[in-house]
N, C-alpha and C. Protein backbone atom coordinates (compact mmCIF):
# COMPACT_ATOMS: atom_id res chain seq x y z
N UNK A 1 -15.81 84.77 21.13
CA UNK A 1 -15.87 85.29 19.77
C UNK A 1 -16.55 86.65 19.77
N UNK A 2 -16.14 87.46 18.82
CA UNK A 2 -16.74 88.79 18.69
C UNK A 2 -17.45 88.88 17.35
N UNK A 3 -18.62 89.47 17.41
CA UNK A 3 -19.47 89.59 16.23
C UNK A 3 -19.85 91.04 16.02
N UNK A 4 -20.27 91.32 14.81
CA UNK A 4 -20.87 92.61 14.51
C UNK A 4 -22.05 92.35 13.57
N UNK A 5 -23.12 93.08 13.78
CA UNK A 5 -24.30 92.98 12.92
C UNK A 5 -24.43 94.30 12.19
N UNK A 6 -24.40 94.24 10.87
CA UNK A 6 -24.55 95.42 10.03
C UNK A 6 -25.78 95.22 9.15
N UNK A 7 -26.54 96.26 8.95
CA UNK A 7 -27.75 96.10 8.16
C UNK A 7 -28.09 97.36 7.39
N UNK A 8 -28.82 97.18 6.31
CA UNK A 8 -29.42 98.27 5.55
C UNK A 8 -30.93 98.04 5.58
N UNK A 9 -31.67 99.06 5.95
CA UNK A 9 -33.11 98.89 6.10
C UNK A 9 -33.85 100.10 5.56
N UNK A 10 -34.86 99.87 4.74
CA UNK A 10 -35.65 100.97 4.17
C UNK A 10 -36.93 101.20 4.95
N UNK A 11 -37.58 100.12 5.34
CA UNK A 11 -38.87 100.23 6.02
C UNK A 11 -38.82 99.78 7.48
N UNK A 12 -37.67 99.31 7.91
CA UNK A 12 -37.53 98.82 9.28
C UNK A 12 -37.56 97.30 9.38
N UNK A 13 -37.89 96.60 8.30
CA UNK A 13 -37.94 95.14 8.31
C UNK A 13 -36.57 94.55 8.66
N UNK A 14 -35.57 94.94 7.92
CA UNK A 14 -34.24 94.36 8.11
C UNK A 14 -33.64 94.78 9.45
N UNK A 15 -33.96 95.98 9.89
CA UNK A 15 -33.51 96.43 11.21
C UNK A 15 -34.09 95.52 12.30
N UNK A 16 -35.36 95.17 12.20
CA UNK A 16 -35.97 94.27 13.19
C UNK A 16 -35.25 92.93 13.20
N UNK A 17 -34.95 92.41 12.03
CA UNK A 17 -34.24 91.12 11.95
C UNK A 17 -32.83 91.26 12.53
N UNK A 18 -32.16 92.36 12.21
CA UNK A 18 -30.81 92.60 12.75
C UNK A 18 -30.85 92.63 14.27
N UNK A 19 -31.84 93.29 14.83
CA UNK A 19 -31.94 93.39 16.28
C UNK A 19 -32.25 92.02 16.90
N UNK A 20 -33.05 91.22 16.23
CA UNK A 20 -33.33 89.86 16.73
C UNK A 20 -32.05 89.04 16.73
N UNK A 21 -31.28 89.15 15.66
CA UNK A 21 -30.00 88.44 15.58
C UNK A 21 -29.08 88.91 16.70
N UNK A 22 -28.97 90.22 16.86
CA UNK A 22 -28.11 90.78 17.90
C UNK A 22 -28.53 90.36 19.30
N UNK A 23 -29.81 90.09 19.50
CA UNK A 23 -30.30 89.75 20.83
C UNK A 23 -29.80 88.39 21.34
N UNK A 24 -29.35 87.53 20.44
CA UNK A 24 -28.85 86.23 20.87
C UNK A 24 -27.31 86.16 20.84
N UNK A 25 -26.68 87.25 20.43
CA UNK A 25 -25.22 87.32 20.44
C UNK A 25 -24.79 87.99 21.75
N UNK A 26 -23.50 87.94 22.08
CA UNK A 26 -23.05 88.57 23.33
C UNK A 26 -23.53 90.02 23.46
N UNK A 27 -23.76 90.43 24.70
CA UNK A 27 -24.39 91.73 24.97
C UNK A 27 -23.67 92.91 24.32
N UNK A 28 -22.37 92.87 24.20
CA UNK A 28 -21.63 94.01 23.65
C UNK A 28 -21.55 94.00 22.12
N UNK A 29 -22.25 93.10 21.47
CA UNK A 29 -22.20 93.00 20.01
C UNK A 29 -22.81 94.24 19.37
N UNK A 30 -22.01 94.97 18.56
CA UNK A 30 -22.58 96.12 17.85
C UNK A 30 -23.63 95.70 16.83
N UNK A 31 -24.68 96.48 16.72
CA UNK A 31 -25.74 96.28 15.72
C UNK A 31 -25.96 97.63 15.07
N UNK A 32 -25.39 97.81 13.88
CA UNK A 32 -25.30 99.14 13.27
C UNK A 32 -25.82 99.18 11.84
N UNK A 33 -26.36 100.33 11.44
CA UNK A 33 -26.66 100.51 10.02
C UNK A 33 -25.37 100.44 9.21
N UNK A 34 -25.45 99.98 7.99
CA UNK A 34 -24.28 99.83 7.12
C UNK A 34 -23.47 101.13 7.04
N UNK A 35 -24.13 102.25 7.01
CA UNK A 35 -23.43 103.54 6.92
C UNK A 35 -22.59 103.88 8.12
N UNK A 36 -22.80 103.16 9.23
CA UNK A 36 -22.01 103.40 10.44
C UNK A 36 -21.01 102.27 10.70
N UNK A 37 -20.79 101.43 9.70
CA UNK A 37 -19.86 100.31 9.85
C UNK A 37 -18.44 100.81 10.08
N UNK A 38 -17.72 100.18 11.02
CA UNK A 38 -16.31 100.53 11.19
C UNK A 38 -15.55 100.23 9.91
N UNK A 39 -14.50 100.99 9.66
CA UNK A 39 -13.70 100.76 8.46
C UNK A 39 -13.00 99.41 8.55
N UNK A 40 -12.47 99.10 9.73
CA UNK A 40 -11.75 97.84 9.92
C UNK A 40 -12.65 96.84 10.65
N UNK A 41 -12.99 95.77 9.98
CA UNK A 41 -13.85 94.75 10.58
C UNK A 41 -13.05 93.53 11.04
N UNK A 42 -11.73 93.63 10.99
CA UNK A 42 -10.88 92.49 11.34
C UNK A 42 -10.92 92.14 12.82
N UNK A 43 -11.41 93.03 13.66
CA UNK A 43 -11.50 92.74 15.09
C UNK A 43 -12.63 91.74 15.40
N UNK A 44 -13.47 91.49 14.42
CA UNK A 44 -14.63 90.61 14.62
C UNK A 44 -14.37 89.25 14.00
N UNK A 45 -14.87 88.23 14.68
CA UNK A 45 -14.72 86.87 14.17
C UNK A 45 -15.74 86.55 13.08
N UNK A 46 -16.85 87.28 13.09
CA UNK A 46 -17.88 87.07 12.06
C UNK A 46 -18.67 88.36 11.86
N UNK A 47 -18.98 88.63 10.61
CA UNK A 47 -19.80 89.78 10.25
C UNK A 47 -21.17 89.26 9.79
N UNK A 48 -22.21 89.65 10.50
CA UNK A 48 -23.58 89.41 10.04
C UNK A 48 -23.95 90.63 9.19
N UNK A 49 -24.22 90.41 7.91
CA UNK A 49 -24.52 91.52 7.00
C UNK A 49 -25.94 91.35 6.45
N UNK A 50 -26.78 92.36 6.67
CA UNK A 50 -28.17 92.27 6.26
C UNK A 50 -28.58 93.34 5.27
N UNK A 51 -29.56 93.01 4.44
CA UNK A 51 -30.03 93.93 3.40
C UNK A 51 -31.48 93.65 3.08
N UNK A 52 -32.09 94.58 2.38
CA UNK A 52 -33.42 94.35 1.81
C UNK A 52 -33.23 94.09 0.33
N UNK A 53 -34.00 93.18 -0.18
CA UNK A 53 -33.84 92.78 -1.57
C UNK A 53 -34.38 93.86 -2.51
N UNK A 54 -33.52 94.22 -3.45
CA UNK A 54 -33.87 95.20 -4.47
C UNK A 54 -33.45 94.64 -5.82
N UNK A 55 -34.40 94.37 -6.66
CA UNK A 55 -34.13 93.88 -8.01
C UNK A 55 -33.27 92.62 -8.01
N UNK A 56 -33.59 91.71 -7.11
CA UNK A 56 -32.93 90.42 -7.12
C UNK A 56 -31.55 90.37 -6.50
N UNK A 57 -31.21 91.36 -5.69
CA UNK A 57 -29.92 91.34 -5.01
C UNK A 57 -30.02 92.25 -3.78
N UNK A 58 -28.87 92.57 -3.21
CA UNK A 58 -28.86 93.50 -2.08
C UNK A 58 -29.20 94.90 -2.57
N UNK A 59 -29.78 95.69 -1.68
CA UNK A 59 -30.06 97.09 -2.01
C UNK A 59 -28.73 97.83 -2.25
N UNK A 60 -28.76 98.98 -2.91
CA UNK A 60 -27.51 99.67 -3.28
C UNK A 60 -26.57 99.96 -2.10
N UNK A 61 -27.10 100.37 -0.96
CA UNK A 61 -26.24 100.69 0.18
C UNK A 61 -25.52 99.43 0.68
N UNK A 62 -26.24 98.33 0.77
CA UNK A 62 -25.62 97.08 1.21
C UNK A 62 -24.64 96.56 0.15
N UNK A 63 -24.95 96.80 -1.13
CA UNK A 63 -24.02 96.36 -2.18
C UNK A 63 -22.65 97.00 -1.99
N UNK A 64 -22.65 98.27 -1.59
CA UNK A 64 -21.36 98.95 -1.37
C UNK A 64 -20.55 98.23 -0.29
N UNK A 65 -21.20 97.87 0.77
CA UNK A 65 -20.52 97.14 1.85
C UNK A 65 -20.03 95.78 1.34
N UNK A 66 -20.92 95.04 0.69
CA UNK A 66 -20.58 93.68 0.27
C UNK A 66 -19.43 93.66 -0.73
N UNK A 67 -19.38 94.64 -1.61
CA UNK A 67 -18.29 94.70 -2.61
C UNK A 67 -16.92 94.89 -1.96
N UNK A 68 -16.91 95.41 -0.73
CA UNK A 68 -15.64 95.65 -0.03
C UNK A 68 -15.42 94.68 1.13
N UNK A 69 -16.34 93.78 1.34
CA UNK A 69 -16.30 92.90 2.51
C UNK A 69 -15.45 91.67 2.23
N UNK A 70 -14.16 91.79 2.57
CA UNK A 70 -13.22 90.69 2.35
C UNK A 70 -13.08 89.81 3.57
N UNK A 71 -13.90 90.01 4.56
CA UNK A 71 -13.85 89.22 5.79
C UNK A 71 -14.09 87.74 5.47
N UNK A 72 -13.32 86.82 6.09
CA UNK A 72 -13.48 85.40 5.75
C UNK A 72 -14.74 84.74 6.32
N UNK A 73 -15.36 85.38 7.32
CA UNK A 73 -16.54 84.77 7.93
C UNK A 73 -17.71 85.74 7.92
N UNK A 74 -18.61 85.48 7.00
CA UNK A 74 -19.76 86.35 6.81
C UNK A 74 -21.03 85.51 6.83
N UNK A 75 -22.02 86.00 7.55
CA UNK A 75 -23.36 85.41 7.54
C UNK A 75 -24.30 86.46 6.96
N UNK A 76 -24.98 86.12 5.89
CA UNK A 76 -25.88 87.07 5.24
C UNK A 76 -27.31 86.85 5.70
N UNK A 77 -28.04 87.95 5.83
CA UNK A 77 -29.48 87.85 6.08
C UNK A 77 -30.18 88.95 5.29
N UNK A 78 -31.46 88.69 4.97
CA UNK A 78 -32.18 89.63 4.11
C UNK A 78 -33.68 89.54 4.36
N UNK A 79 -34.36 90.57 3.90
CA UNK A 79 -35.82 90.58 3.87
C UNK A 79 -36.26 90.91 2.45
N UNK A 80 -37.42 90.40 2.08
CA UNK A 80 -37.98 90.70 0.76
C UNK A 80 -39.49 90.61 0.80
N UNK A 81 -40.13 91.25 -0.14
CA UNK A 81 -41.59 91.25 -0.20
C UNK A 81 -42.16 89.95 -0.74
N UNK A 82 -41.37 89.21 -1.47
CA UNK A 82 -41.84 87.96 -2.10
C UNK A 82 -41.77 86.80 -1.10
N UNK A 83 -42.18 85.65 -1.57
CA UNK A 83 -42.13 84.43 -0.78
C UNK A 83 -40.67 84.09 -0.46
N UNK A 84 -40.32 83.95 0.82
CA UNK A 84 -38.92 83.65 1.16
C UNK A 84 -38.48 82.25 0.74
N UNK A 85 -39.42 81.40 0.34
CA UNK A 85 -39.07 80.06 -0.14
C UNK A 85 -39.01 80.00 -1.66
N UNK A 86 -39.16 81.14 -2.31
CA UNK A 86 -39.19 81.18 -3.78
C UNK A 86 -37.78 81.13 -4.36
N UNK A 87 -37.71 80.82 -5.64
CA UNK A 87 -36.44 80.86 -6.35
C UNK A 87 -35.87 82.27 -6.36
N UNK A 88 -36.76 83.26 -6.44
CA UNK A 88 -36.33 84.66 -6.41
C UNK A 88 -35.57 84.96 -5.11
N UNK A 89 -36.06 84.45 -3.98
CA UNK A 89 -35.40 84.67 -2.69
C UNK A 89 -34.01 84.02 -2.69
N UNK A 90 -33.95 82.76 -3.14
CA UNK A 90 -32.66 82.05 -3.19
C UNK A 90 -31.68 82.76 -4.11
N UNK A 91 -32.18 83.18 -5.27
CA UNK A 91 -31.31 83.89 -6.22
C UNK A 91 -30.82 85.21 -5.64
N UNK A 92 -31.69 85.89 -4.91
CA UNK A 92 -31.31 87.18 -4.33
C UNK A 92 -30.17 87.01 -3.33
N UNK A 93 -30.25 85.98 -2.50
CA UNK A 93 -29.15 85.71 -1.56
C UNK A 93 -27.87 85.36 -2.31
N UNK A 94 -27.99 84.52 -3.33
CA UNK A 94 -26.81 84.13 -4.12
C UNK A 94 -26.18 85.33 -4.82
N UNK A 95 -27.03 86.17 -5.40
CA UNK A 95 -26.52 87.34 -6.09
C UNK A 95 -25.80 88.29 -5.12
N UNK A 96 -26.35 88.45 -3.95
CA UNK A 96 -25.71 89.32 -2.95
C UNK A 96 -24.39 88.71 -2.48
N UNK A 97 -24.39 87.41 -2.24
CA UNK A 97 -23.16 86.74 -1.79
C UNK A 97 -22.06 86.86 -2.85
N UNK A 98 -22.45 86.82 -4.10
CA UNK A 98 -21.47 86.90 -5.20
C UNK A 98 -20.81 88.27 -5.30
N UNK A 99 -21.38 89.27 -4.65
CA UNK A 99 -20.79 90.61 -4.68
C UNK A 99 -19.49 90.68 -3.88
N UNK A 100 -19.34 89.79 -2.91
CA UNK A 100 -18.16 89.83 -2.04
C UNK A 100 -16.92 89.43 -2.82
N UNK A 101 -15.81 90.14 -2.60
CA UNK A 101 -14.57 89.76 -3.27
C UNK A 101 -14.01 88.47 -2.67
N UNK A 102 -13.32 87.72 -3.45
CA UNK A 102 -12.63 86.54 -2.94
C UNK A 102 -13.42 85.25 -3.01
N UNK A 103 -14.71 85.33 -3.12
CA UNK A 103 -15.51 84.12 -3.28
C UNK A 103 -15.54 83.19 -2.08
N UNK A 104 -15.23 83.69 -0.90
CA UNK A 104 -15.31 82.85 0.31
C UNK A 104 -16.74 82.37 0.50
N UNK A 105 -16.93 81.10 0.91
CA UNK A 105 -18.31 80.66 1.18
C UNK A 105 -18.85 81.35 2.42
N UNK A 106 -20.16 81.50 2.45
CA UNK A 106 -20.82 82.09 3.61
C UNK A 106 -20.80 81.11 4.77
N UNK A 107 -20.78 81.63 5.97
CA UNK A 107 -20.94 80.77 7.14
C UNK A 107 -22.38 80.27 7.18
N UNK A 108 -23.31 81.15 6.84
CA UNK A 108 -24.73 80.81 6.90
C UNK A 108 -25.52 81.94 6.23
N UNK A 109 -26.77 81.69 5.91
CA UNK A 109 -27.62 82.75 5.36
C UNK A 109 -29.06 82.54 5.80
N UNK A 110 -29.81 83.63 5.73
CA UNK A 110 -31.20 83.63 6.19
C UNK A 110 -31.97 84.70 5.41
N UNK A 111 -33.21 84.38 5.07
CA UNK A 111 -34.05 85.36 4.41
C UNK A 111 -35.49 85.18 4.89
N UNK A 112 -36.19 86.26 5.08
CA UNK A 112 -37.60 86.18 5.46
C UNK A 112 -38.37 87.29 4.76
N UNK A 113 -39.66 87.17 4.83
CA UNK A 113 -40.53 88.14 4.17
C UNK A 113 -40.62 89.42 5.01
N UNK A 114 -40.82 90.53 4.33
CA UNK A 114 -41.00 91.81 4.98
C UNK A 114 -41.98 92.64 4.19
N UNK A 115 -42.59 93.58 4.86
CA UNK A 115 -43.57 94.43 4.17
C UNK A 115 -42.88 95.24 3.07
N UNK A 116 -43.63 95.48 2.02
CA UNK A 116 -43.13 96.27 0.90
C UNK A 116 -43.42 97.73 1.18
N UNK A 117 -42.46 98.58 0.91
CA UNK A 117 -42.61 100.01 1.11
C UNK A 117 -43.84 100.50 0.33
N UNK A 118 -44.82 101.14 1.01
CA UNK A 118 -46.02 101.63 0.31
C UNK A 118 -45.70 102.59 -0.84
N UNK A 119 -44.64 103.37 -0.71
CA UNK A 119 -44.25 104.26 -1.81
C UNK A 119 -43.84 103.45 -3.04
N UNK A 120 -43.18 102.33 -2.83
CA UNK A 120 -42.77 101.47 -3.94
C UNK A 120 -44.00 100.87 -4.62
N UNK A 121 -44.97 100.47 -3.83
CA UNK A 121 -46.20 99.91 -4.41
C UNK A 121 -46.88 100.96 -5.29
N UNK A 122 -46.93 102.20 -4.82
CA UNK A 122 -47.54 103.26 -5.61
C UNK A 122 -46.76 103.52 -6.90
N UNK A 123 -45.43 103.47 -6.79
CA UNK A 123 -44.59 103.65 -7.99
C UNK A 123 -44.87 102.54 -9.00
N UNK A 124 -44.98 101.31 -8.50
CA UNK A 124 -45.23 100.17 -9.39
C UNK A 124 -46.57 100.33 -10.10
N UNK A 125 -47.57 100.83 -9.38
CA UNK A 125 -48.89 101.03 -9.99
C UNK A 125 -48.81 102.01 -11.15
N UNK A 126 -47.96 103.03 -11.00
CA UNK A 126 -47.83 104.04 -12.05
C UNK A 126 -46.92 103.58 -13.19
N UNK A 127 -45.91 102.78 -12.85
CA UNK A 127 -44.89 102.40 -13.84
C UNK A 127 -45.30 101.25 -14.75
N UNK A 128 -46.02 100.28 -14.19
CA UNK A 128 -46.24 99.04 -14.93
C UNK A 128 -47.71 98.89 -15.32
N UNK A 129 -47.98 98.89 -16.62
CA UNK A 129 -49.36 98.72 -17.08
C UNK A 129 -49.86 97.29 -16.86
N UNK A 130 -51.17 97.14 -16.89
CA UNK A 130 -51.77 95.81 -16.75
C UNK A 130 -51.13 94.87 -17.76
N UNK A 131 -50.83 93.66 -17.33
CA UNK A 131 -50.22 92.67 -18.21
C UNK A 131 -48.70 92.62 -18.09
N UNK A 132 -48.10 93.67 -17.57
CA UNK A 132 -46.64 93.69 -17.35
C UNK A 132 -46.31 92.73 -16.20
N UNK A 133 -45.17 92.04 -16.26
CA UNK A 133 -44.84 91.09 -15.18
C UNK A 133 -44.80 91.71 -13.78
N UNK A 134 -44.55 93.01 -13.69
CA UNK A 134 -44.48 93.67 -12.38
C UNK A 134 -45.71 94.54 -12.09
N UNK A 135 -46.73 94.43 -12.93
CA UNK A 135 -47.96 95.20 -12.71
C UNK A 135 -48.60 94.81 -11.37
N UNK A 136 -49.20 95.78 -10.72
CA UNK A 136 -49.88 95.51 -9.45
C UNK A 136 -51.29 95.03 -9.79
N UNK A 137 -51.41 93.72 -9.86
CA UNK A 137 -52.70 93.10 -10.14
C UNK A 137 -53.24 92.47 -8.85
N UNK A 138 -54.33 91.73 -8.98
CA UNK A 138 -54.95 91.11 -7.81
C UNK A 138 -53.98 90.18 -7.08
N UNK A 139 -53.24 89.41 -7.84
CA UNK A 139 -52.28 88.46 -7.24
C UNK A 139 -51.19 89.20 -6.47
N UNK A 140 -50.68 90.27 -7.07
CA UNK A 140 -49.62 91.05 -6.42
C UNK A 140 -50.16 91.77 -5.19
N UNK A 141 -51.40 92.26 -5.28
CA UNK A 141 -52.02 92.91 -4.11
C UNK A 141 -52.09 91.92 -2.94
N UNK A 142 -52.44 90.67 -3.23
CA UNK A 142 -52.52 89.65 -2.18
C UNK A 142 -51.13 89.39 -1.58
N UNK A 143 -50.13 89.37 -2.43
CA UNK A 143 -48.75 89.19 -1.96
C UNK A 143 -48.35 90.34 -1.04
N UNK A 144 -48.66 91.55 -1.45
CA UNK A 144 -48.32 92.73 -0.64
C UNK A 144 -49.05 92.70 0.70
N UNK A 145 -50.31 92.25 0.67
CA UNK A 145 -51.10 92.16 1.90
C UNK A 145 -50.45 91.15 2.85
N UNK A 146 -50.05 90.00 2.32
CA UNK A 146 -49.39 88.99 3.15
C UNK A 146 -48.06 89.52 3.67
N UNK A 147 -47.29 90.17 2.80
CA UNK A 147 -45.98 90.70 3.19
C UNK A 147 -46.11 91.75 4.29
N UNK A 148 -47.23 92.47 4.30
CA UNK A 148 -47.40 93.56 5.29
C UNK A 148 -47.44 93.03 6.72
N UNK A 149 -47.61 91.73 6.88
CA UNK A 149 -47.66 91.13 8.23
C UNK A 149 -46.26 90.73 8.74
N UNK A 150 -45.25 90.95 7.91
CA UNK A 150 -43.90 90.47 8.23
C UNK A 150 -42.91 91.62 8.36
N UNK A 151 -41.81 91.42 9.07
CA UNK A 151 -41.50 90.22 9.82
C UNK A 151 -42.40 90.11 11.07
N UNK A 152 -42.86 88.88 11.29
CA UNK A 152 -43.71 88.62 12.46
C UNK A 152 -42.90 87.89 13.53
N UNK A 153 -43.56 87.48 14.57
CA UNK A 153 -42.85 86.82 15.67
C UNK A 153 -42.15 85.54 15.22
N UNK A 154 -42.76 84.81 14.32
CA UNK A 154 -42.12 83.58 13.80
C UNK A 154 -40.85 83.93 13.02
N UNK A 155 -40.89 85.01 12.25
CA UNK A 155 -39.70 85.45 11.51
C UNK A 155 -38.58 85.85 12.47
N UNK A 156 -38.94 86.56 13.53
CA UNK A 156 -37.94 86.99 14.51
C UNK A 156 -37.34 85.78 15.22
N UNK A 157 -38.18 84.80 15.55
CA UNK A 157 -37.68 83.57 16.18
C UNK A 157 -36.75 82.83 15.22
N UNK A 158 -37.10 82.79 13.95
CA UNK A 158 -36.25 82.12 12.95
C UNK A 158 -34.92 82.86 12.80
N UNK A 159 -34.95 84.18 12.89
CA UNK A 159 -33.71 84.96 12.81
C UNK A 159 -32.81 84.66 14.00
N UNK A 160 -33.41 84.53 15.17
CA UNK A 160 -32.63 84.18 16.36
C UNK A 160 -32.02 82.79 16.22
N UNK A 161 -32.79 81.86 15.69
CA UNK A 161 -32.29 80.50 15.47
C UNK A 161 -31.15 80.50 14.46
N UNK A 162 -31.27 81.31 13.43
CA UNK A 162 -30.21 81.47 12.43
C UNK A 162 -28.92 81.96 13.11
N UNK A 163 -29.03 82.95 13.96
CA UNK A 163 -27.85 83.48 14.65
C UNK A 163 -27.23 82.41 15.54
N UNK A 164 -28.06 81.70 16.28
CA UNK A 164 -27.55 80.64 17.17
C UNK A 164 -26.85 79.54 16.37
N UNK A 165 -27.44 79.15 15.23
CA UNK A 165 -26.83 78.13 14.39
C UNK A 165 -25.51 78.64 13.79
N UNK A 166 -25.47 79.91 13.44
CA UNK A 166 -24.23 80.49 12.90
C UNK A 166 -23.12 80.42 13.95
N UNK A 167 -23.44 80.75 15.18
CA UNK A 167 -22.45 80.68 16.26
C UNK A 167 -21.94 79.25 16.41
N UNK A 168 -22.85 78.28 16.37
CA UNK A 168 -22.43 76.86 16.48
C UNK A 168 -21.49 76.48 15.33
N UNK A 169 -21.84 76.92 14.13
CA UNK A 169 -20.98 76.60 12.98
C UNK A 169 -19.59 77.20 13.15
N UNK A 170 -19.54 78.42 13.67
CA UNK A 170 -18.24 79.07 13.88
C UNK A 170 -17.44 78.35 14.95
N UNK A 171 -18.10 77.91 16.00
CA UNK A 171 -17.41 77.17 17.06
C UNK A 171 -16.84 75.86 16.52
N UNK A 172 -17.56 75.23 15.62
CA UNK A 172 -17.08 73.97 15.03
C UNK A 172 -15.91 74.19 14.07
N UNK A 173 -15.83 75.40 13.50
CA UNK A 173 -14.71 75.72 12.61
C UNK A 173 -13.43 75.92 13.42
N UNK A 174 -13.59 76.28 14.69
CA UNK A 174 -12.44 76.48 15.57
C UNK A 174 -11.86 77.83 15.52
């Protein structure tokens, strides 16, 4: 089987996850930024498509890819600053998956925490006053501090396991 890993990354979080995924796929598997994606993806048996979460979905660059991604076998992966076990994380994956035309089910999906861009944190401090749901308060500062440690080795191992499980699922599909 032939695979391709495509990703959009702002701070390097999603790139690290993409590279971890690529490390367990065959050696010749391309691992490319979304902007360098081949026009024709039909030569690949599965497209691993990665993004960073922006406003509850894929970031704008990844959205462009997903809106045109008619490939029947897609595995989505993402990084976000919030808790990867939260409803927000699940909704973000669902929202990104829904961007694809045709409504084909995903082969598999994966999401993990990643550090938040420091510029974004500064913007949030200026944009949202105290009491606003997105204000940078003590709780949000703690979340950002925790997110700054990710993706860590456990996240990279989980990404590799996700890729291996995706390959198994594809082999079972025939």
